[in-house]
Amino acid sequence: MKNLNSSSGFLPVTFILVGIPGLEAQHIWISVPFCLMYIITFLGNGIILHVIRTDPALHQPMYLFLAMLALADVGISASTLPTVAGIFLFGMTEISFEACLLQMFSIHSFSIMESAVLLAMAVDRFVAIYSPLHYITILTLPRIFATGAVFVLKSIVLMAPLPVLLQRLPFCGHHALSHSYCLHPNLIHLPCGDTSVNNIYGLFIVISTFGIDSLLIVVSYCLILHTVLGITTGEGQKKALSTCGSHICAVLAYYVPMISLSMVHRFGQRVSPLLQTMMANAYLFFPPVVNPIVYSIKTKDISHSIVRILSDKRTRVQSRPQ
């Protein structure tokens, strides 16, 4: 069940994925909360995308960036769905080597996009508060769409070398993964050859994307806070800061689980496999579930648009001839 590669080692035909370590007998019951999370993710983000697309009042920079965030969340969830559903619903724990690399590429690419979009949203809030009169002229539609295209290109270019680097390594019989999906920090522990190039490049991706993005987000909020403190009225300060609440929640929901998981993968060799699995699930499932809920509740324009669309549909249904 193995293929000889050019490094005198072996490429596994399949990897073995793990659901929840020690709870294999309860997988069918564990599938229930996972199914609920997927339903909330796809339905919630789908509603966000629908209202932004159909409501002309939401064709503004803030909401177009929110649409990009929703697309990234849907992409991450869609990437994990095949293996998670296969494990918990059908007991399918094997994934081919090529499919594993494709899933890894997809998950990390969408994660890089999400981090970049969160940074763009922080810059958007700074421009809106610092220079509200020039907000529309600075963040024009062509610039926003060009920014989105750059995010997609950046994530693809950065992630493309990782599958190639993994294919050149000998695995020598090690092919059991510790999650329900393929992540690079997990895969890089399996080869028996020299993984220094992979580790260095993986660290470069983390620093050049998540590290710089998070740093610039902090800088953006320092500038936002400095600008808000310069507003003379307390009501004006409160109104300015209120526009940042949903974004702050999205940033925390994304970066806290991600940083925690990275620390465990790099320095927590003695951490139990169950805790590692739960943290990996929090990193991938928490933001896509929380973001549409937070933005639907805390962003008045989004919530009003959702209510208006539901009311219009109810009116059309009631007006149909019996």
Protein backbone atom coordinates (compact mmCIF):
# COMPACT_ATOMS: atom_id res chain seq x y z
CA MET A 1 0.00 0.00 0.00
CA LYS A 2 2.96 2.34 -0.51
CA ASN A 3 4.83 3.86 -3.43
CA LEU A 4 8.59 4.33 -3.58
CA ASN A 5 9.57 7.97 -4.05
CA SER A 6 12.78 9.68 -5.17
CA SER A 7 14.10 10.09 -1.65
CA SER A 8 14.45 6.32 -1.04
CA GLY A 9 11.46 6.42 1.28
CA PHE A 10 7.80 5.78 0.71
CA LEU A 11 4.78 7.83 -0.19
CA PRO A 12 1.68 6.41 1.54
CA VAL A 13 -1.25 5.58 -0.70
CA THR A 14 -3.60 6.60 2.10
CA PHE A 15 -3.59 8.44 5.42
CA ILE A 16 -5.63 7.37 8.42
CA LEU A 17 -7.72 10.16 9.95
CA VAL A 18 -8.90 10.25 13.56
CA GLY A 19 -12.22 11.62 14.75
CA ILE A 20 -12.27 12.21 18.51
CA PRO A 21 -9.56 10.08 20.18
CA GLY A 22 -11.00 7.67 22.71
CA LEU A 23 -14.59 8.37 21.67
CA GLU A 24 -14.77 6.31 18.49
CA ALA A 25 -17.83 4.40 19.77
CA GLN A 26 -19.76 7.67 20.14
CA HIS A 27 -18.95 9.07 16.71
CA ILE A 28 -22.55 8.85 15.50
CA TRP A 29 -23.68 11.02 18.43
CA ILE A 30 -20.73 13.38 18.05
CA SER A 31 -21.81 13.91 14.44
CA VAL A 32 -24.92 15.77 15.65
CA PRO A 33 -23.13 18.95 16.89
CA PHE A 34 -20.87 18.86 13.81
CA CYS A 35 -23.90 18.71 11.53
CA LEU A 36 -25.48 21.61 13.42
CA MET A 37 -22.30 23.66 13.03
CA TYR A 38 -22.20 22.98 9.29
CA ILE A 39 -25.88 23.94 8.95
CA ILE A 40 -25.32 27.20 10.84
CA THR A 41 -22.17 27.94 8.84
CA PHE A 42 -23.63 27.38 5.38
CA LEU A 43 -27.05 28.84 6.18
CA GLY A 44 -25.75 31.83 8.16
CA ASN A 45 -23.01 32.80 5.73
CA GLY A 46 -25.33 32.09 2.80
CA ILE A 47 -27.87 34.54 4.21
CA ILE A 48 -25.13 37.15 4.71
CA LEU A 49 -24.01 36.74 1.09
CA HIS A 50 -27.59 36.84 -0.19
CA VAL A 51 -28.59 40.05 1.61
CA ILE A 52 -25.37 41.81 0.57
CA ARG A 53 -25.89 40.76 -3.05
CA THR A 54 -29.57 41.72 -3.24
CA ASP A 55 -29.66 44.90 -1.13
CA PRO A 56 -28.12 47.89 -3.00
CA ALA A 57 -27.77 49.76 0.31
CA LEU A 58 -25.20 47.16 1.38
CA HIS A 59 -22.96 47.62 -1.67
CA GLN A 60 -20.48 49.49 0.50
CA PRO A 61 -16.83 48.68 1.35
CA MET A 62 -17.60 47.39 4.85
CA TYR A 63 -20.19 44.89 3.61
CA LEU A 64 -18.23 43.82 0.55
CA PHE A 65 -15.35 42.88 2.85
CA LEU A 66 -17.89 41.06 5.04
CA ALA A 67 -18.98 39.10 1.94
CA MET A 68 -15.33 38.11 1.37
CA LEU A 69 -15.13 36.96 5.00
CA ALA A 70 -18.28 34.86 4.55
CA LEU A 71 -16.86 33.29 1.38
CA ALA A 72 -13.64 32.37 3.21
CA ASP A 73 -15.64 30.83 6.07
CA VAL A 74 -17.72 28.79 3.62
CA GLY A 75 -14.53 27.69 1.84
CA ILE A 76 -12.92 26.46 5.07
CA SER A 77 -16.06 24.55 6.09
CA ALA A 78 -16.55 23.04 2.63
CA SER A 79 -12.92 21.88 2.71
CA THR A 80 -13.38 19.95 5.96
CA LEU A 81 -16.88 18.60 5.25
CA PRO A 82 -15.98 15.49 3.16
CA THR A 83 -13.65 13.91 5.72
CA VAL A 84 -15.57 15.02 8.83
CA ALA A 85 -18.84 13.65 7.46
CA GLY A 86 -17.08 10.50 6.25
CA ILE A 87 -15.59 9.78 9.69
CA PHE A 88 -18.51 10.59 11.98
CA LEU A 89 -21.41 9.44 9.79
CA PHE A 90 -19.95 6.57 7.75
CA GLY A 91 -16.81 5.47 9.62
CA MET A 92 -14.57 6.24 6.62
CA THR A 93 -11.16 7.01 8.13
CA GLU A 94 -8.94 6.71 5.05
CA ILE A 95 -7.99 9.52 2.67
CA SER A 96 -5.67 9.24 -0.31
CA PHE A 97 -2.32 11.00 -0.24
CA GLU A 98 -3.30 13.32 -3.11
CA ALA A 99 -6.71 14.13 -1.59
CA CYS A 100 -5.04 14.88 1.74
CA LEU A 101 -2.63 17.33 0.11
CA LEU A 102 -5.54 18.97 -1.74
CA GLN A 103 -7.53 19.33 1.48
CA MET A 104 -4.52 20.76 3.30
CA PHE A 105 -3.96 23.27 0.47
CA SER A 106 -7.63 24.28 0.49
CA ILE A 107 -7.97 24.69 4.27
CA HIS A 108 -4.81 26.75 4.68
CA SER A 109 -5.49 28.85 1.56
CA PHE A 110 -8.91 29.91 2.81
CA SER A 111 -7.41 30.54 6.27
CA ILE A 112 -4.83 32.88 4.75
CA MET A 113 -7.63 34.65 2.85
CA GLU A 114 -9.67 35.06 6.03
CA SER A 115 -6.72 36.57 7.90
CA ALA A 116 -6.12 39.04 5.05
CA VAL A 117 -9.80 39.99 4.92
CA LEU A 118 -9.83 40.66 8.68
CA LEU A 119 -6.90 43.03 8.16
CA ALA A 120 -8.70 44.76 5.27
CA MET A 121 -11.78 45.17 7.50
CA ALA A 122 -9.62 46.78 10.21
CA VAL A 123 -8.21 49.23 7.65
CA ASP A 124 -11.74 49.88 6.41
CA ARG A 125 -12.87 50.82 9.93
CA PHE A 126 -9.85 53.10 10.38
CA VAL A 127 -10.53 54.96 7.13
CA ALA A 128 -14.24 55.27 7.99
CA ILE A 129 -13.46 56.80 11.40
CA TYR A 130 -10.36 58.84 10.48
CA SER A 131 -11.62 60.28 7.18
CA PRO A 132 -15.37 59.69 6.82
CA LEU A 133 -15.78 62.37 4.14
CA HIS A 134 -13.28 60.62 1.85
CA TYR A 135 -14.31 57.06 2.77
CA ILE A 136 -16.07 56.24 -0.51
CA THR A 137 -13.44 57.94 -2.66
CA ILE A 138 -10.59 56.05 -0.98
CA LEU A 139 -12.24 52.62 -0.86
CA THR A 140 -13.72 52.50 -4.35
CA LEU A 141 -15.34 49.38 -5.78
CA PRO A 142 -12.48 48.66 -8.23
CA ARG A 143 -9.96 48.89 -5.38
CA ILE A 144 -12.03 46.55 -3.22
CA PHE A 145 -12.38 43.92 -5.94
CA ALA A 146 -8.68 44.24 -6.81
CA THR A 147 -7.88 43.73 -3.12
CA GLY A 148 -9.98 40.57 -3.07
CA ALA A 149 -8.20 39.26 -6.16
CA VAL A 150 -4.82 39.95 -4.53
CA PHE A 151 -5.90 38.00 -1.44
CA VAL A 152 -6.82 34.97 -3.56
CA LEU A 153 -3.60 35.12 -5.58
CA LYS A 154 -1.48 35.60 -2.46
CA SER A 155 -2.92 32.54 -0.70
CA ILE A 156 -2.48 30.33 -3.77
CA VAL A 157 1.10 31.44 -4.42
CA LEU A 158 2.12 31.00 -0.78
CA MET A 159 0.50 27.59 -0.39
CA ALA A 160 1.49 26.06 -3.76
CA PRO A 161 5.03 24.96 -2.65
CA LEU A 162 3.82 23.06 0.44
CA PRO A 163 2.30 20.01 -1.35
CA VAL A 164 5.42 19.82 -3.54
CA LEU A 165 7.72 19.93 -0.52
CA LEU A 166 5.71 17.20 1.21
CA GLN A 167 5.84 14.92 -1.85
CA ARG A 168 9.65 14.91 -1.79
CA LEU A 169 9.79 13.54 1.78
CA PRO A 170 9.96 9.83 2.77
CA PHE A 171 7.15 8.75 5.12
CA CYS A 172 8.54 5.27 5.88
CA GLY A 173 5.26 3.75 7.02
CA HIS A 174 3.99 6.62 9.16
CA HIS A 175 0.54 7.62 7.90
CA ALA A 176 -1.77 8.13 10.92
CA LEU A 177 -3.02 11.70 11.39
CA SER A 178 -4.46 13.07 14.62
CA HIS A 179 -7.40 15.09 13.23
CA SER A 180 -10.46 14.62 11.04
CA TYR A 181 -8.78 16.57 8.24
CA CYS A 182 -5.31 17.24 6.87
CA LEU A 183 -3.36 20.16 8.34
CA HIS A 184 0.27 20.95 7.53
CA PRO A 185 1.45 21.13 11.20
CA ASN A 186 0.10 17.60 11.63
CA LEU A 187 1.41 16.22 8.32
CA ILE A 188 4.92 17.55 8.86
CA HIS A 189 5.39 15.30 11.90
CA LEU A 190 4.96 12.08 9.88
CA PRO A 191 7.98 11.98 7.47
CA CYS A 192 11.14 10.24 8.63
CA GLY A 193 13.43 12.43 6.52
CA ASP A 194 14.76 15.95 6.98
CA THR A 195 11.80 18.33 7.29
CA SER A 196 13.81 21.48 7.99
CA VAL A 197 12.92 23.10 4.64
CA ASN A 198 9.23 22.38 5.21
CA ASN A 199 9.36 23.74 8.75
CA ILE A 200 11.19 26.90 7.67
CA TYR A 201 8.78 27.56 4.82
CA GLY A 202 5.77 26.82 7.01
CA LEU A 203 7.10 29.28 9.59
CA PHE A 204 7.65 31.84 6.82
CA ILE A 205 3.99 31.51 5.78
CA VAL A 206 2.80 31.92 9.36
CA ILE A 207 4.93 35.03 9.96
CA SER A 208 4.30 36.66 6.56
CA THR A 209 0.54 36.18 6.76
CA PHE A 210 -0.94 35.62 10.20
CA GLY A 211 1.92 37.33 12.06
CA ILE A 212 2.01 40.48 9.93
CA ASP A 213 -1.78 40.60 9.55
CA SER A 214 -2.37 40.40 13.31
CA LEU A 215 0.31 43.02 13.97
CA LEU A 216 -1.23 45.42 11.44
CA ILE A 217 -4.69 44.81 12.90
CA VAL A 218 -3.36 45.85 16.32
CA VAL A 219 -1.73 48.94 14.75
CA SER A 220 -5.01 49.78 13.00
CA TYR A 221 -6.93 49.64 16.26
CA CYS A 222 -4.33 51.75 18.03
CA LEU A 223 -4.84 54.38 15.32
CA ILE A 224 -8.62 53.98 15.60
CA LEU A 225 -8.46 54.45 19.37
CA HIS A 226 -6.23 57.52 18.97
CA THR A 227 -8.68 58.99 16.44
CA VAL A 228 -11.72 58.23 18.59
CA LEU A 229 -10.15 59.85 21.65
CA GLY A 230 -9.77 63.00 19.56
CA ILE A 231 -13.53 63.19 19.08
CA THR A 232 -14.88 65.80 21.47
CA THR A 233 -18.29 64.34 22.31
CA GLY A 234 -18.80 61.13 24.23
CA GLU A 235 -21.73 60.22 22.00
CA GLY A 236 -19.49 60.56 18.93
CA GLN A 237 -16.85 58.33 20.51
CA LYS A 238 -19.43 55.69 21.36
CA LYS A 239 -20.91 55.76 17.86
CA ALA A 240 -17.46 55.45 16.24
CA LEU A 241 -16.42 52.52 18.41
CA SER A 242 -19.76 50.73 17.96
CA THR A 243 -18.95 50.16 14.30
CA CYS A 244 -15.90 48.09 15.33
CA GLY A 245 -17.62 45.72 17.75
CA SER A 246 -18.50 42.97 15.26
CA HIS A 247 -15.05 43.06 13.68
CA ILE A 248 -13.31 42.77 17.06
CA CYS A 249 -15.42 39.68 17.81
CA ALA A 250 -14.46 38.18 14.44
CA VAL A 251 -10.75 38.87 15.06
CA LEU A 252 -10.83 37.26 18.51
CA ALA A 253 -12.85 34.27 17.24
CA TYR A 254 -10.23 33.68 14.55
CA TYR A 255 -6.88 34.45 16.15
CA VAL A 256 -7.33 33.10 19.69
CA PRO A 257 -8.01 29.46 18.62
CA MET A 258 -5.39 29.68 15.84
CA ILE A 259 -2.61 30.94 18.13
CA SER A 260 -3.54 28.37 20.79
CA LEU A 261 -3.43 25.52 18.27
CA SER A 262 -0.09 26.71 16.86
CA MET A 263 1.42 26.79 20.34
CA VAL A 264 0.19 23.27 21.06
CA HIS A 265 1.54 21.89 17.77
CA ARG A 266 4.98 23.44 18.28
CA PHE A 267 5.52 23.27 22.04
CA GLY A 268 2.88 20.96 23.51
CA GLN A 269 4.21 17.49 22.81
CA ARG A 270 2.83 16.30 26.15
CA VAL A 271 -0.65 17.70 25.57
CA SER A 272 -3.30 15.00 25.27
CA PRO A 273 -4.48 14.11 21.73
CA LEU A 274 -8.07 14.88 22.79
CA LEU A 275 -7.16 18.47 23.70
CA GLN A 276 -5.27 18.92 20.43
CA THR A 277 -8.29 17.66 18.49
CA MET A 278 -10.70 19.95 20.34
CA MET A 279 -8.45 22.98 19.73
CA ALA A 280 -8.12 22.13 16.04
CA ASN A 281 -11.90 21.88 15.79
CA ALA A 282 -12.29 25.23 17.57
CA TYR A 283 -9.85 26.84 15.12
CA LEU A 284 -11.71 25.61 12.04
CA PHE A 285 -15.33 25.57 13.20
CA PHE A 286 -15.70 28.44 15.67
CA PRO A 287 -15.18 31.46 13.34
CA PRO A 288 -17.50 30.25 10.52
CA VAL A 289 -20.26 29.60 13.07
CA VAL A 290 -19.80 32.74 15.16
CA ASN A 291 -19.21 35.34 12.43
CA PRO A 292 -22.64 35.26 10.72
CA ILE A 293 -24.38 35.22 14.11
CA VAL A 294 -22.40 38.20 15.43
CA TYR A 295 -22.79 40.28 12.26
CA SER A 296 -26.50 39.46 11.96
CA ILE A 297 -27.14 40.59 15.55
CA LYS A 298 -24.71 43.48 16.03
CA THR A 299 -24.83 45.06 12.54
CA LYS A 300 -28.13 46.91 12.19
CA ASP A 301 -28.02 47.22 8.40
CA ILE A 302 -27.54 43.45 8.03
CA SER A 303 -30.25 42.55 10.56
CA HIS A 304 -32.72 45.05 9.04
CA SER A 305 -32.04 43.69 5.56
CA ILE A 306 -32.60 40.10 6.74
CA VAL A 307 -35.89 41.08 8.41
CA ARG A 308 -36.99 42.98 5.29
CA ILE A 309 -36.26 40.03 2.99
CA LEU A 310 -38.11 37.62 5.29
CA SER A 311 -41.06 40.01 5.47
CA ASP A 312 -41.16 40.35 1.68
CA LYS A 313 -41.15 36.58 1.26
CA ARG A 314 -43.94 36.20 3.82
CA THR A 315 -45.98 38.86 2.04
CA ARG A 316 -45.52 37.15 -1.34
CA VAL A 317 -46.54 33.79 0.11
CA GLN A 318 -49.67 35.27 1.71
CA SER A 319 -50.60 37.13 -1.48
CA ARG A 320 -50.56 33.99 -3.63
CA PRO A 321 -54.02 32.90 -4.78
CA GLN A 322 -55.37 29.97 -2.85
